[in-house]
């Protein structure tokens, strides 16, 4: 097989083009080939982790749930080995990211597949594990409520997930508009679409789903605030990109009134 890194680049292009069948074959063959190699160096271990992660996601896209879970199971062990290699190589920042946001994203992916298979307890465990390692990962907390809704058909026992979502929404900062889409931008995490989130919140607030009253009040407040901010951005009353606006504000010169009035520079 050619350079493993180039193989990853190639099948990822196939995924982007919607050619999932050939991408699956290539990712599977690469993963199996690398797993048979003994004493993999740091670069090969990185590539193996990438390949297993991609394979789990491709299987998910193709609705091959059992195969996706098998790939994500192997990923967990190989990710742990990669973290050990990174620490040994004194690449502690990369190891920290691998154990933090990247592990959380892997757990969310595994949780989605478990949810598709109707495994409520296992799916919730994966989502909680992700949220614990990356508290600002919004998908990790949103999916917990979705799991209760889809599998149980109600939110009567979703008090804790609702509280986690309320807390997360209090941390992730203001609404932004990027490339025409309203998003929340948690630090160090993927953006989350606000309009989809508001749609979810409105659905979960339906009394028929029986979300506990105090949590329903808190999430309604969050939904109202998100809608208010989207309206403010649309009318120009709020900056479309909060981080950019803050950076520009820091660059603006501050004129000392007393120096100016005295004729100073």
Protein backbone atom coordinates (compact mmCIF):
# COMPACT_ATOMS: atom_id res chain seq x y z
CA UNK A 1 0.00 0.00 0.00
CA UNK A 2 1.19 3.53 -0.75
CA UNK A 3 1.97 6.15 1.88
CA UNK A 4 -0.73 5.68 4.59
CA UNK A 5 -1.14 9.44 5.04
CA UNK A 6 -1.90 9.82 1.33
CA UNK A 7 -4.43 7.01 1.57
CA UNK A 8 -6.24 8.92 4.34
CA UNK A 9 -6.25 12.06 2.20
CA UNK A 10 -7.61 10.12 -0.77
CA UNK A 11 -10.51 8.38 0.96
CA UNK A 12 -11.45 11.62 2.71
CA UNK A 13 -11.81 13.20 -0.72
CA UNK A 14 -14.08 10.31 -1.67
CA UNK A 15 -16.18 10.96 1.44
CA UNK A 16 -16.48 14.64 0.45
CA UNK A 17 -17.62 13.54 -3.01
CA UNK A 18 -20.19 11.15 -1.53
CA UNK A 19 -18.33 8.05 -2.69
CA UNK A 20 -18.75 6.27 0.62
CA UNK A 21 -18.43 2.68 -0.62
CA UNK A 22 -14.90 3.06 -1.93
CA UNK A 23 -13.97 5.26 1.05
CA UNK A 24 -15.13 2.48 3.37
CA UNK A 25 -13.03 -0.13 1.58
CA UNK A 26 -9.92 2.02 1.66
CA UNK A 27 -10.30 3.02 5.33
CA UNK A 28 -10.98 -0.59 6.31
CA UNK A 29 -7.96 -1.93 4.42
CA UNK A 30 -5.70 0.77 5.83
CA UNK A 31 -6.89 0.13 9.38
CA UNK A 32 -6.38 -3.62 9.08
CA UNK A 33 -2.93 -3.19 7.55
CA UNK A 34 -1.76 -0.82 10.28
CA UNK A 35 -3.20 -2.98 13.06
CA UNK A 36 -1.03 -5.88 11.93
CA UNK A 37 2.15 -3.82 12.13
CA UNK A 38 4.16 -4.24 15.30
CA UNK A 39 6.03 -1.41 17.05
CA UNK A 40 4.28 1.37 15.15
CA UNK A 41 6.06 4.72 15.36
CA UNK A 42 4.26 7.92 16.35
CA UNK A 43 3.28 8.85 12.80
CA UNK A 44 1.86 5.42 12.00
CA UNK A 45 -0.05 5.36 15.29
CA UNK A 46 -1.53 8.79 14.48
CA UNK A 47 -2.58 7.51 11.07
CA UNK A 48 -4.13 4.38 12.57
CA UNK A 49 -6.18 6.48 14.98
CA UNK A 50 -7.31 8.72 12.11
CA UNK A 51 -8.24 5.70 9.99
CA UNK A 52 -10.25 4.01 12.75
CA UNK A 53 -12.03 7.27 13.59
CA UNK A 54 -12.90 7.82 9.94
CA UNK A 55 -13.97 4.20 9.51
CA UNK A 56 -16.36 4.41 12.46
CA UNK A 57 -17.89 7.57 10.96
CA UNK A 58 -18.15 6.10 7.46
CA UNK A 59 -19.90 3.02 8.84
CA UNK A 60 -22.27 5.37 10.68
CA UNK A 61 -23.03 7.25 7.47
CA UNK A 62 -23.73 3.93 5.77
CA UNK A 63 -25.90 2.82 8.71
CA UNK A 64 -23.67 -0.15 9.49
CA UNK A 65 -24.18 0.24 13.20
CA UNK A 66 -22.46 -2.92 14.49
CA UNK A 67 -19.39 -2.31 12.36
CA UNK A 68 -19.24 1.31 13.50
CA UNK A 69 -19.31 0.23 17.14
CA UNK A 70 -16.56 -2.32 16.49
CA UNK A 71 -14.37 0.32 14.86
CA UNK A 72 -14.98 2.81 17.66
CA UNK A 73 -14.10 0.10 20.18
CA UNK A 74 -10.73 -0.46 18.50
CA UNK A 75 -10.26 3.30 18.26
CA UNK A 76 -10.53 3.65 22.03
CA UNK A 77 -7.57 1.36 22.66
CA UNK A 78 -5.40 2.78 19.88
CA UNK A 79 -6.16 6.34 20.98
CA UNK A 80 -4.91 5.44 24.45
CA UNK A 81 -1.67 4.06 22.99
CA UNK A 82 -1.21 7.22 20.91
CA UNK A 83 -1.63 9.38 24.01
CA UNK A 84 1.10 7.38 25.74
CA UNK A 85 3.43 7.82 22.79
CA UNK A 86 2.77 11.57 22.70
CA UNK A 87 3.55 11.93 26.39
CA UNK A 88 6.75 9.92 25.95
CA UNK A 89 7.69 12.27 23.10
CA UNK A 90 6.95 15.24 25.42
CA UNK A 91 4.09 16.38 23.19
CA UNK A 92 1.82 16.97 26.13
CA UNK A 93 -0.45 19.58 24.52
CA UNK A 94 -1.38 17.19 21.72
CA UNK A 95 -1.88 14.38 24.24
CA UNK A 96 -4.15 16.64 26.29
CA UNK A 97 -6.25 17.48 23.20
CA UNK A 98 -6.44 13.80 22.31
CA UNK A 99 -7.72 12.95 25.77
CA UNK A 100 -10.05 15.95 25.87
CA UNK A 101 -12.04 17.29 22.92
CA UNK A 102 -11.01 14.57 20.47
CA UNK A 103 -11.95 11.76 22.85
CA UNK A 104 -15.23 13.57 23.55
CA UNK A 105 -16.04 13.74 19.85
CA UNK A 106 -15.31 10.02 19.53
CA UNK A 107 -17.63 9.29 22.44
CA UNK A 108 -20.38 11.41 20.88
CA UNK A 109 -19.99 9.51 17.61
CA UNK A 110 -20.25 6.19 19.45
CA UNK A 111 -23.25 7.49 21.40
CA UNK A 112 -25.08 8.41 18.20
CA UNK A 113 -24.70 4.87 16.91
CA UNK A 114 -25.85 3.37 20.21
CA UNK A 115 -28.84 5.69 20.04
CA UNK A 116 -29.68 4.40 16.55
CA UNK A 117 -29.65 0.88 18.00
CA UNK A 118 -32.04 1.90 20.77
CA UNK A 119 -29.47 1.41 23.57
CA UNK A 120 -30.51 4.21 25.93
CA UNK A 121 -28.26 3.42 28.88
CA UNK A 122 -25.14 2.86 26.76
CA UNK A 123 -25.83 5.95 24.62
CA UNK A 124 -26.31 8.14 27.68
CA UNK A 125 -23.11 6.77 29.18
CA UNK A 126 -21.18 7.74 26.04
CA UNK A 127 -22.70 11.22 25.91
CA UNK A 128 -22.05 11.81 29.63
CA UNK A 129 -18.47 10.67 29.23
CA UNK A 130 -18.03 13.12 26.36
CA UNK A 131 -19.57 15.99 28.34
CA UNK A 132 -17.37 15.24 31.34
CA UNK A 133 -14.21 15.44 29.25
CA UNK A 134 -15.36 18.45 27.23
CA UNK A 135 -18.01 20.42 29.17
CA UNK A 136 -18.56 22.88 26.32
CA UNK A 137 -19.28 20.19 23.72
CA UNK A 138 -22.91 21.08 23.04
CA UNK A 139 -23.73 17.97 21.03
CA UNK A 140 -22.75 15.82 24.01
CA UNK A 141 -25.48 17.39 26.16
CA UNK A 142 -28.09 17.95 23.45
CA UNK A 143 -27.94 14.27 22.49
CA UNK A 144 -28.77 13.22 26.05
CA UNK A 145 -32.18 14.85 25.81
CA UNK A 146 -32.64 13.50 22.31
CA UNK A 147 -31.93 9.99 23.60
CA UNK A 148 -34.68 10.23 26.22
CA UNK A 149 -37.11 11.65 23.68
CA UNK A 150 -36.44 9.07 20.97
CA UNK A 151 -36.19 5.93 23.08
CA UNK A 152 -38.48 6.68 26.05
CA UNK A 153 -40.89 8.95 24.21
CA UNK A 154 -40.85 11.49 27.03
CA UNK A 155 -38.50 13.66 29.10
CA UNK A 156 -39.95 12.90 32.49
CA UNK A 157 -36.62 11.50 33.70
CA UNK A 158 -34.41 13.92 31.79
CA UNK A 159 -33.99 16.41 34.64
CA UNK A 160 -30.20 16.01 34.87
CA UNK A 161 -29.56 16.24 31.10
CA UNK A 162 -31.75 19.36 30.97
CA UNK A 163 -29.72 20.92 33.76
CA UNK A 164 -26.48 20.06 31.97
CA UNK A 165 -27.77 21.72 28.80
CA UNK A 166 -28.86 24.80 30.71
CA UNK A 167 -25.40 25.06 32.31
CA UNK A 168 -23.60 24.52 29.00
CA UNK A 169 -25.66 27.23 27.28
CA UNK A 170 -24.66 29.58 30.08
CA UNK A 171 -20.98 29.01 29.27
CA UNK A 172 -20.70 29.00 25.50
CA UNK A 173 -20.97 32.70 24.79
CA UNK A 174 -23.13 34.76 22.43
CA UNK A 175 -24.75 33.81 19.14
CA UNK A 176 -22.66 34.48 16.03
CA UNK A 177 -23.51 34.49 12.34
CA UNK A 178 -20.97 32.85 10.10
CA UNK A 179 -21.45 32.19 6.40
CA UNK A 180 -25.11 33.08 6.78
CA UNK A 181 -25.77 30.62 9.62
CA UNK A 182 -26.44 31.42 13.26
CA UNK A 183 -24.07 29.39 15.44
CA UNK A 184 -22.76 29.10 18.96
CA UNK A 185 -18.97 28.89 19.14
CA UNK A 186 -17.84 27.09 22.30
CA UNK A 187 -14.13 27.59 22.93
CA UNK A 188 -12.15 24.60 21.67
CA UNK A 189 -15.25 22.83 20.32
CA UNK A 190 -17.21 22.59 17.09
CA UNK A 191 -19.79 25.25 16.34
CA UNK A 192 -23.42 24.35 16.94
CA UNK A 193 -26.33 25.56 14.76
CA UNK A 194 -28.60 27.83 16.77
CA UNK A 195 -31.76 27.51 14.70
CA UNK A 196 -31.65 23.72 15.03
CA UNK A 197 -31.04 24.06 18.77
CA UNK A 198 -33.99 26.43 19.18
CA UNK A 199 -36.17 24.00 17.23
CA UNK A 200 -35.09 21.19 19.57
CA UNK A 201 -35.74 23.31 22.66
CA UNK A 202 -39.22 24.30 21.49
CA UNK A 203 -40.09 20.65 20.85
CA UNK A 204 -38.80 19.55 24.25
CA UNK A 205 -40.84 22.26 25.95
CA UNK A 206 -44.06 20.70 24.66
CA UNK A 207 -45.99 19.71 27.82
CA UNK A 208 -46.72 16.33 26.22
CA UNK A 209 -43.04 15.39 26.69
CA UNK A 210 -43.33 16.07 30.45
CA UNK A 211 -40.00 17.80 31.02
CA UNK A 212 -39.87 18.71 34.75
CA UNK A 213 -41.24 22.21 35.37
CA UNK A 214 -38.18 23.98 36.77
CA UNK A 215 -35.97 22.67 33.95
CA UNK A 216 -38.60 23.63 31.38
CA UNK A 217 -38.60 27.21 32.71
CA UNK A 218 -34.79 27.38 32.50
CA UNK A 219 -34.63 26.03 28.95
CA UNK A 220 -37.45 28.28 27.78
CA UNK A 221 -35.41 31.23 29.03
CA UNK A 222 -32.42 29.97 27.05
CA UNK A 223 -34.52 29.54 23.90
CA UNK A 224 -35.97 33.04 24.24
CA UNK A 225 -32.49 34.51 24.67
CA UNK A 226 -31.13 32.69 21.62
CA UNK A 227 -34.04 33.97 19.52
CA UNK A 228 -33.52 37.49 20.85
CA UNK A 229 -29.86 37.43 19.86
CA UNK A 230 -30.62 36.12 16.36
CA UNK A 231 -33.07 38.98 15.90
CA UNK A 232 -30.52 41.49 17.23
CA UNK A 233 -27.90 40.26 14.78
CA UNK A 234 -30.39 40.37 11.91
CA UNK A 235 -31.25 44.01 12.70
CA UNK A 236 -27.64 45.05 13.29
CA UNK A 237 -28.08 45.67 17.02
CA UNK A 238 -25.60 42.89 17.90
CA UNK A 239 -22.29 42.05 16.24
CA UNK A 240 -22.45 39.06 13.92
CA UNK A 241 -19.05 37.85 15.14
CA UNK A 242 -18.50 38.53 18.82
CA UNK A 243 -14.82 37.53 18.86
CA UNK A 244 -14.02 39.72 15.86
CA UNK A 245 -15.91 42.67 17.35
CA UNK A 246 -13.99 42.32 20.61
CA UNK A 247 -10.67 42.18 18.76
CA UNK A 248 -11.50 45.28 16.73
CA UNK A 249 -12.55 47.13 19.87
CA UNK A 250 -9.17 46.40 21.46
CA UNK A 251 -7.42 47.87 18.44
CA UNK A 252 -9.34 51.14 18.51
CA UNK A 253 -7.19 53.98 19.95
CA UNK A 254 -8.31 55.45 23.24
CA UNK A 255 -7.95 59.23 23.44
CA UNK A 256 -7.17 60.68 26.85
CA UNK A 257 -9.61 63.61 27.19
CA UNK A 258 -7.31 65.72 29.40
CA UNK A 259 -4.33 65.29 27.07
CA UNK A 260 -6.46 66.13 24.06
CA UNK A 261 -8.01 69.24 25.64
CA UNK A 262 -4.55 70.47 26.64
CA UNK A 263 -3.38 70.27 23.06
CA UNK A 264 -1.27 67.17 23.58
CA UNK A 265 -0.70 64.48 21.01
